[in-house]
Amino acid sequence: MMNGSARWAASHLRVAVASLALLAVAGAAHAGDGAQFDTLCDRTYVNKKVGDNEQWAITWDIYGNATGNVFKLDGSAPSFIECVNMDETDTETVFDCYGAGPCAGPTCPSSEWTLIGTGIRIPTAFFLPPGVDVLEAFDACEVED
């Protein structure tokens, strides 16, 4: 059984994931949006406005899992997400995603995480800097020796 925090996070994150899918399909960008490869070219860091009410700060292991924070632009408490890569196509990554609200104490039980949804399809381009070919993402990141 979900506690109130988990129910709140799950309901807000379901709406956010739907907004994310629509935003990524539309390709809309906002001032301050961005993505950057890490120094080893293993992951990207993404900071993007999703919908009208959220700012997402996501770390994506390239062609792997995604984790991060969802900040509400109204100043309310953030949500936290963990998405497991279940599959991918040439243009989309398919995730099973879990969400939680802020931890209320020094020990955060895993029971606070709730399944948001399965088979969530997000365009891979959402996780990459503009102009990077989703089929050749590693080619866009050169690691200097």
C-alpha atoms as a PDB file:
ATOM      1  CA  MET A   1       0.000   0.000   0.000  1.00  0.00           C
ATOM      2  CA  MET A   2       1.302   3.448  -0.919  1.00  0.00           C
ATOM      3  CA  ASN A   3       1.746   6.152   1.664  1.00  0.00           C
ATOM      4  CA  GLY A   4       0.527   9.696   0.961  1.00  0.00           C
ATOM      5  CA  SER A   5       3.932  10.891  -0.273  1.00  0.00           C
ATOM      6  CA  ALA A   6       4.264   7.996  -2.703  1.00  0.00           C
ATOM      7  CA  ARG A   7       0.714   8.495  -4.020  1.00  0.00           C
ATOM      8  CA  TRP A   8       1.398  12.224  -4.515  1.00  0.00           C
ATOM      9  CA  ALA A   9       4.677  11.570  -6.332  1.00  0.00           C
ATOM     10  CA  ALA A  10       3.194   8.870  -8.543  1.00  0.00           C
ATOM     11  CA  SER A  11       0.222  10.988  -9.623  1.00  0.00           C
ATOM     12  CA  HIS A  12       2.382  14.039 -10.365  1.00  0.00           C
ATOM     13  CA  LEU A  13       5.005  12.031 -12.198  1.00  0.00           C
ATOM     14  CA  ARG A  14       2.442  10.262 -14.398  1.00  0.00           C
ATOM     15  CA  VAL A  15       1.268  13.666 -15.614  1.00  0.00           C
ATOM     16  CA  ALA A  16       4.866  14.795 -16.041  1.00  0.00           C
ATOM     17  CA  VAL A  17       5.833  11.725 -18.068  1.00  0.00           C
ATOM     18  CA  ALA A  18       2.872  12.312 -20.366  1.00  0.00           C
ATOM     19  CA  SER A  19       3.952  15.950 -20.718  1.00  0.00           C
ATOM     20  CA  LEU A  20       7.515  14.829 -21.416  1.00  0.00           C
ATOM     21  CA  ALA A  21       6.417  12.535 -24.209  1.00  0.00           C
ATOM     22  CA  LEU A  22       4.353  15.306 -25.796  1.00  0.00           C
ATOM     23  CA  LEU A  23       7.129  17.879 -25.389  1.00  0.00           C
ATOM     24  CA  ALA A  24       9.772  15.637 -26.882  1.00  0.00           C
ATOM     25  CA  VAL A  25       7.585  14.787 -29.854  1.00  0.00           C
ATOM     26  CA  ALA A  26       6.860  18.468 -30.416  1.00  0.00           C
ATOM     27  CA  GLY A  27      10.554  19.288 -30.055  1.00  0.00           C
ATOM     28  CA  ALA A  28       9.846  22.529 -28.195  1.00  0.00           C
ATOM     29  CA  ALA A  29      12.820  24.087 -26.433  1.00  0.00           C
ATOM     30  CA  HIS A  30      12.777  26.770 -23.766  1.00  0.00           C
ATOM     31  CA  ALA A  31      15.383  29.270 -22.648  1.00  0.00           C
ATOM     32  CA  GLY A  32      17.728  27.527 -20.238  1.00  0.00           C
ATOM     33  CA  ASP A  33      17.098  24.065 -21.676  1.00  0.00           C
ATOM     34  CA  GLY A  34      20.159  22.031 -22.313  1.00  0.00           C
ATOM     35  CA  ALA A  35      21.990  18.732 -22.441  1.00  0.00           C
ATOM     36  CA  GLN A  36      25.675  17.951 -22.039  1.00  0.00           C
ATOM     37  CA  PHE A  37      27.843  14.846 -22.293  1.00  0.00           C
ATOM     38  CA  ASP A  38      29.863  13.938 -19.200  1.00  0.00           C
ATOM     39  CA  THR A  39      33.676  13.929 -19.448  1.00  0.00           C
ATOM     40  CA  LEU A  40      33.831  10.185 -20.191  1.00  0.00           C
ATOM     41  CA  CYS A  41      31.032  10.185 -22.786  1.00  0.00           C
ATOM     42  CA  ASP A  42      29.105   7.615 -20.735  1.00  0.00           C
ATOM     43  CA  ARG A  43      26.064   9.731 -19.928  1.00  0.00           C
ATOM     44  CA  THR A  44      24.327  13.003 -20.541  1.00  0.00           C
ATOM     45  CA  TYR A  45      23.027  15.582 -18.111  1.00  0.00           C
ATOM     46  CA  VAL A  46      19.713  17.075 -19.155  1.00  0.00           C
ATOM     47  CA  ASN A  47      18.004  20.150 -17.745  1.00  0.00           C
ATOM     48  CA  LYS A  48      14.747  20.961 -19.530  1.00  0.00           C
ATOM     49  CA  LYS A  49      11.396  22.518 -18.890  1.00  0.00           C
ATOM     50  CA  VAL A  50       8.647  19.935 -19.398  1.00  0.00           C
ATOM     51  CA  GLY A  51       5.155  21.244 -19.956  1.00  0.00           C
ATOM     52  CA  ASP A  52       4.272  24.518 -18.285  1.00  0.00           C
ATOM     53  CA  ASN A  53       4.954  23.602 -14.668  1.00  0.00           C
ATOM     54  CA  GLU A  54       8.100  21.483 -14.337  1.00  0.00           C
ATOM     55  CA  GLN A  55      11.860  21.631 -14.771  1.00  0.00           C
ATOM     56  CA  TRP A  56      13.551  18.236 -15.161  1.00  0.00           C
ATOM     57  CA  ALA A  57      17.182  17.606 -14.170  1.00  0.00           C
ATOM     58  CA  ILE A  58      17.979  14.138 -15.525  1.00  0.00           C
ATOM     59  CA  THR A  59      21.101  12.017 -15.832  1.00  0.00           C
ATOM     60  CA  TRP A  60      20.882   9.480 -18.661  1.00  0.00           C
ATOM     61  CA  ASP A  61      23.367   6.625 -19.046  1.00  0.00           C
ATOM     62  CA  ILE A  62      23.675   6.652 -22.835  1.00  0.00           C
ATOM     63  CA  TYR A  63      21.351   3.920 -24.134  1.00  0.00           C
ATOM     64  CA  GLY A  64      20.712   2.950 -20.500  1.00  0.00           C
ATOM     65  CA  ASN A  65      18.827   4.052 -17.384  1.00  0.00           C
ATOM     66  CA  ALA A  66      17.745   7.581 -16.453  1.00  0.00           C
ATOM     67  CA  THR A  67      17.506   9.140 -12.986  1.00  0.00           C
ATOM     68  CA  GLY A  68      16.841  12.617 -11.752  1.00  0.00           C
ATOM     69  CA  ASN A  69      14.749  15.299 -10.153  1.00  0.00           C
ATOM     70  CA  VAL A  70      11.553  16.969 -11.216  1.00  0.00           C
ATOM     71  CA  PHE A  71      11.243  20.495  -9.856  1.00  0.00           C
ATOM     72  CA  LYS A  72       7.849  22.164  -9.727  1.00  0.00           C
ATOM     73  CA  LEU A  73       7.985  25.732 -10.985  1.00  0.00           C
ATOM     74  CA  ASP A  74       5.437  26.748  -8.341  1.00  0.00           C
ATOM     75  CA  GLY A  75       8.052  26.049  -5.656  1.00  0.00           C
ATOM     76  CA  SER A  76       6.435  22.929  -4.209  1.00  0.00           C
ATOM     77  CA  ALA A  77       8.486  19.891  -3.199  1.00  0.00           C
ATOM     78  CA  PRO A  78      10.484  18.103  -5.921  1.00  0.00           C
ATOM     79  CA  SER A  79       9.906  14.555  -7.126  1.00  0.00           C
ATOM     80  CA  PHE A  80      12.574  11.983  -7.843  1.00  0.00           C
ATOM     81  CA  ILE A  81      12.576   9.472 -10.693  1.00  0.00           C
ATOM     82  CA  GLU A  82      14.354   6.281 -11.642  1.00  0.00           C
ATOM     83  CA  CYS A  83      13.701   4.860 -15.094  1.00  0.00           C
ATOM     84  CA  VAL A  84      15.012   1.468 -16.183  1.00  0.00           C
ATOM     85  CA  ASN A  85      15.778   1.029 -19.894  1.00  0.00           C
ATOM     86  CA  MET A  86      13.646  -1.877 -21.085  1.00  0.00           C
ATOM     87  CA  ASP A  87      14.098  -1.509 -24.839  1.00  0.00           C
ATOM     88  CA  GLU A  88      14.986   0.962 -27.556  1.00  0.00           C
ATOM     89  CA  THR A  89      14.248   1.653 -31.170  1.00  0.00           C
ATOM     90  CA  ASP A  90      16.150   3.837 -33.635  1.00  0.00           C
ATOM     91  CA  THR A  91      14.401   6.924 -32.243  1.00  0.00           C
ATOM     92  CA  GLU A  92      12.935   6.053 -28.831  1.00  0.00           C
ATOM     93  CA  THR A  93      14.002   4.631 -25.496  1.00  0.00           C
ATOM     94  CA  VAL A  94      11.430   2.560 -23.630  1.00  0.00           C
ATOM     95  CA  PHE A  95      11.449   2.759 -19.835  1.00  0.00           C
ATOM     96  CA  ASP A  96       9.761   1.388 -16.746  1.00  0.00           C
ATOM     97  CA  CYS A  97       9.756   4.353 -14.352  1.00  0.00           C
ATOM     98  CA  TYR A  98       9.457   4.733 -10.598  1.00  0.00           C
ATOM     99  CA  GLY A  99       8.928   7.891  -8.580  1.00  0.00           C
ATOM    100  CA  ALA A 100       9.159   9.140  -5.006  1.00  0.00           C
ATOM    101  CA  GLY A 101       8.599  12.339  -3.101  1.00  0.00           C
ATOM    102  CA  PRO A 102      11.187  13.867  -0.786  1.00  0.00           C
ATOM    103  CA  CYS A 103      12.494  11.622   1.972  1.00  0.00           C
ATOM    104  CA  ALA A 104      11.040  12.524   5.368  1.00  0.00           C
ATOM    105  CA  GLY A 105      13.908  11.242   7.529  1.00  0.00           C
ATOM    106  CA  PRO A 106      17.488  10.033   7.629  1.00  0.00           C
ATOM    107  CA  THR A 107      16.538   6.545   6.436  1.00  0.00           C
ATOM    108  CA  CYS A 108      14.586   6.506   3.179  1.00  0.00           C
ATOM    109  CA  PRO A 109      12.782   3.186   2.758  1.00  0.00           C
ATOM    110  CA  SER A 110      12.568   1.737  -0.735  1.00  0.00           C
ATOM    111  CA  SER A 111       8.817   1.390  -0.157  1.00  0.00           C
ATOM    112  CA  GLU A 112       8.507   5.121  -0.872  1.00  0.00           C
ATOM    113  CA  TRP A 113       9.165   4.402  -4.570  1.00  0.00           C
ATOM    114  CA  THR A 114       6.090   3.775  -6.689  1.00  0.00           C
ATOM    115  CA  LEU A 115       5.751   2.464 -10.230  1.00  0.00           C
ATOM    116  CA  ILE A 116       4.829   5.399 -12.466  1.00  0.00           C
ATOM    117  CA  GLY A 117       4.392   3.373 -15.618  1.00  0.00           C
ATOM    118  CA  THR A 118       5.760   0.635 -17.839  1.00  0.00           C
ATOM    119  CA  GLY A 119       6.637   0.867 -21.503  1.00  0.00           C
ATOM    120  CA  ILE A 120       7.047   4.652 -21.373  1.00  0.00           C
ATOM    121  CA  ARG A 121       8.416   5.745 -24.752  1.00  0.00           C
ATOM    122  CA  ILE A 122      10.598   8.850 -24.767  1.00  0.00           C
ATOM    123  CA  PRO A 123      12.304  10.141 -27.903  1.00  0.00           C
ATOM    124  CA  THR A 124      16.035   9.523 -27.443  1.00  0.00           C
ATOM    125  CA  ALA A 125      16.752  13.003 -28.809  1.00  0.00           C
ATOM    126  CA  PHE A 126      15.321  14.436 -25.556  1.00  0.00           C
ATOM    127  CA  PHE A 127      18.452  13.221 -23.747  1.00  0.00           C
ATOM    128  CA  LEU A 128      20.985  14.545 -26.256  1.00  0.00           C
ATOM    129  CA  PRO A 129      22.378  17.981 -27.130  1.00  0.00           C
ATOM    130  CA  PRO A 130      20.754  19.582 -30.199  1.00  0.00           C
ATOM    131  CA  GLY A 131      21.870  18.176 -33.525  1.00  0.00           C
ATOM    132  CA  VAL A 132      23.286  14.902 -32.166  1.00  0.00           C
ATOM    133  CA  ASP A 133      22.283  11.891 -34.259  1.00  0.00           C
ATOM    134  CA  VAL A 134      20.429   9.473 -31.963  1.00  0.00           C
ATOM    135  CA  LEU A 135      21.967   6.531 -33.836  1.00  0.00           C
ATOM    136  CA  GLU A 136      25.508   7.867 -33.438  1.00  0.00           C
ATOM    137  CA  ALA A 137      25.401   9.598 -30.047  1.00  0.00           C
ATOM    138  CA  PHE A 138      28.884   8.447 -29.050  1.00  0.00           C
ATOM    139  CA  ASP A 139      30.360   9.909 -32.259  1.00  0.00           C
ATOM    140  CA  ALA A 140      29.284  13.376 -31.083  1.00  0.00           C
ATOM    141  CA  CYS A 141      31.352  13.108 -27.925  1.00  0.00           C
ATOM    142  CA  GLU A 142      35.100  13.072 -28.280  1.00  0.00           C
ATOM    143  CA  VAL A 143      37.082  12.217 -25.194  1.00  0.00           C
ATOM    144  CA  GLU A 144      40.550  13.766 -25.249  1.00  0.00           C
ATOM    145  CA  ASP A 145      43.465  11.779 -23.843  1.00  0.00           C
END
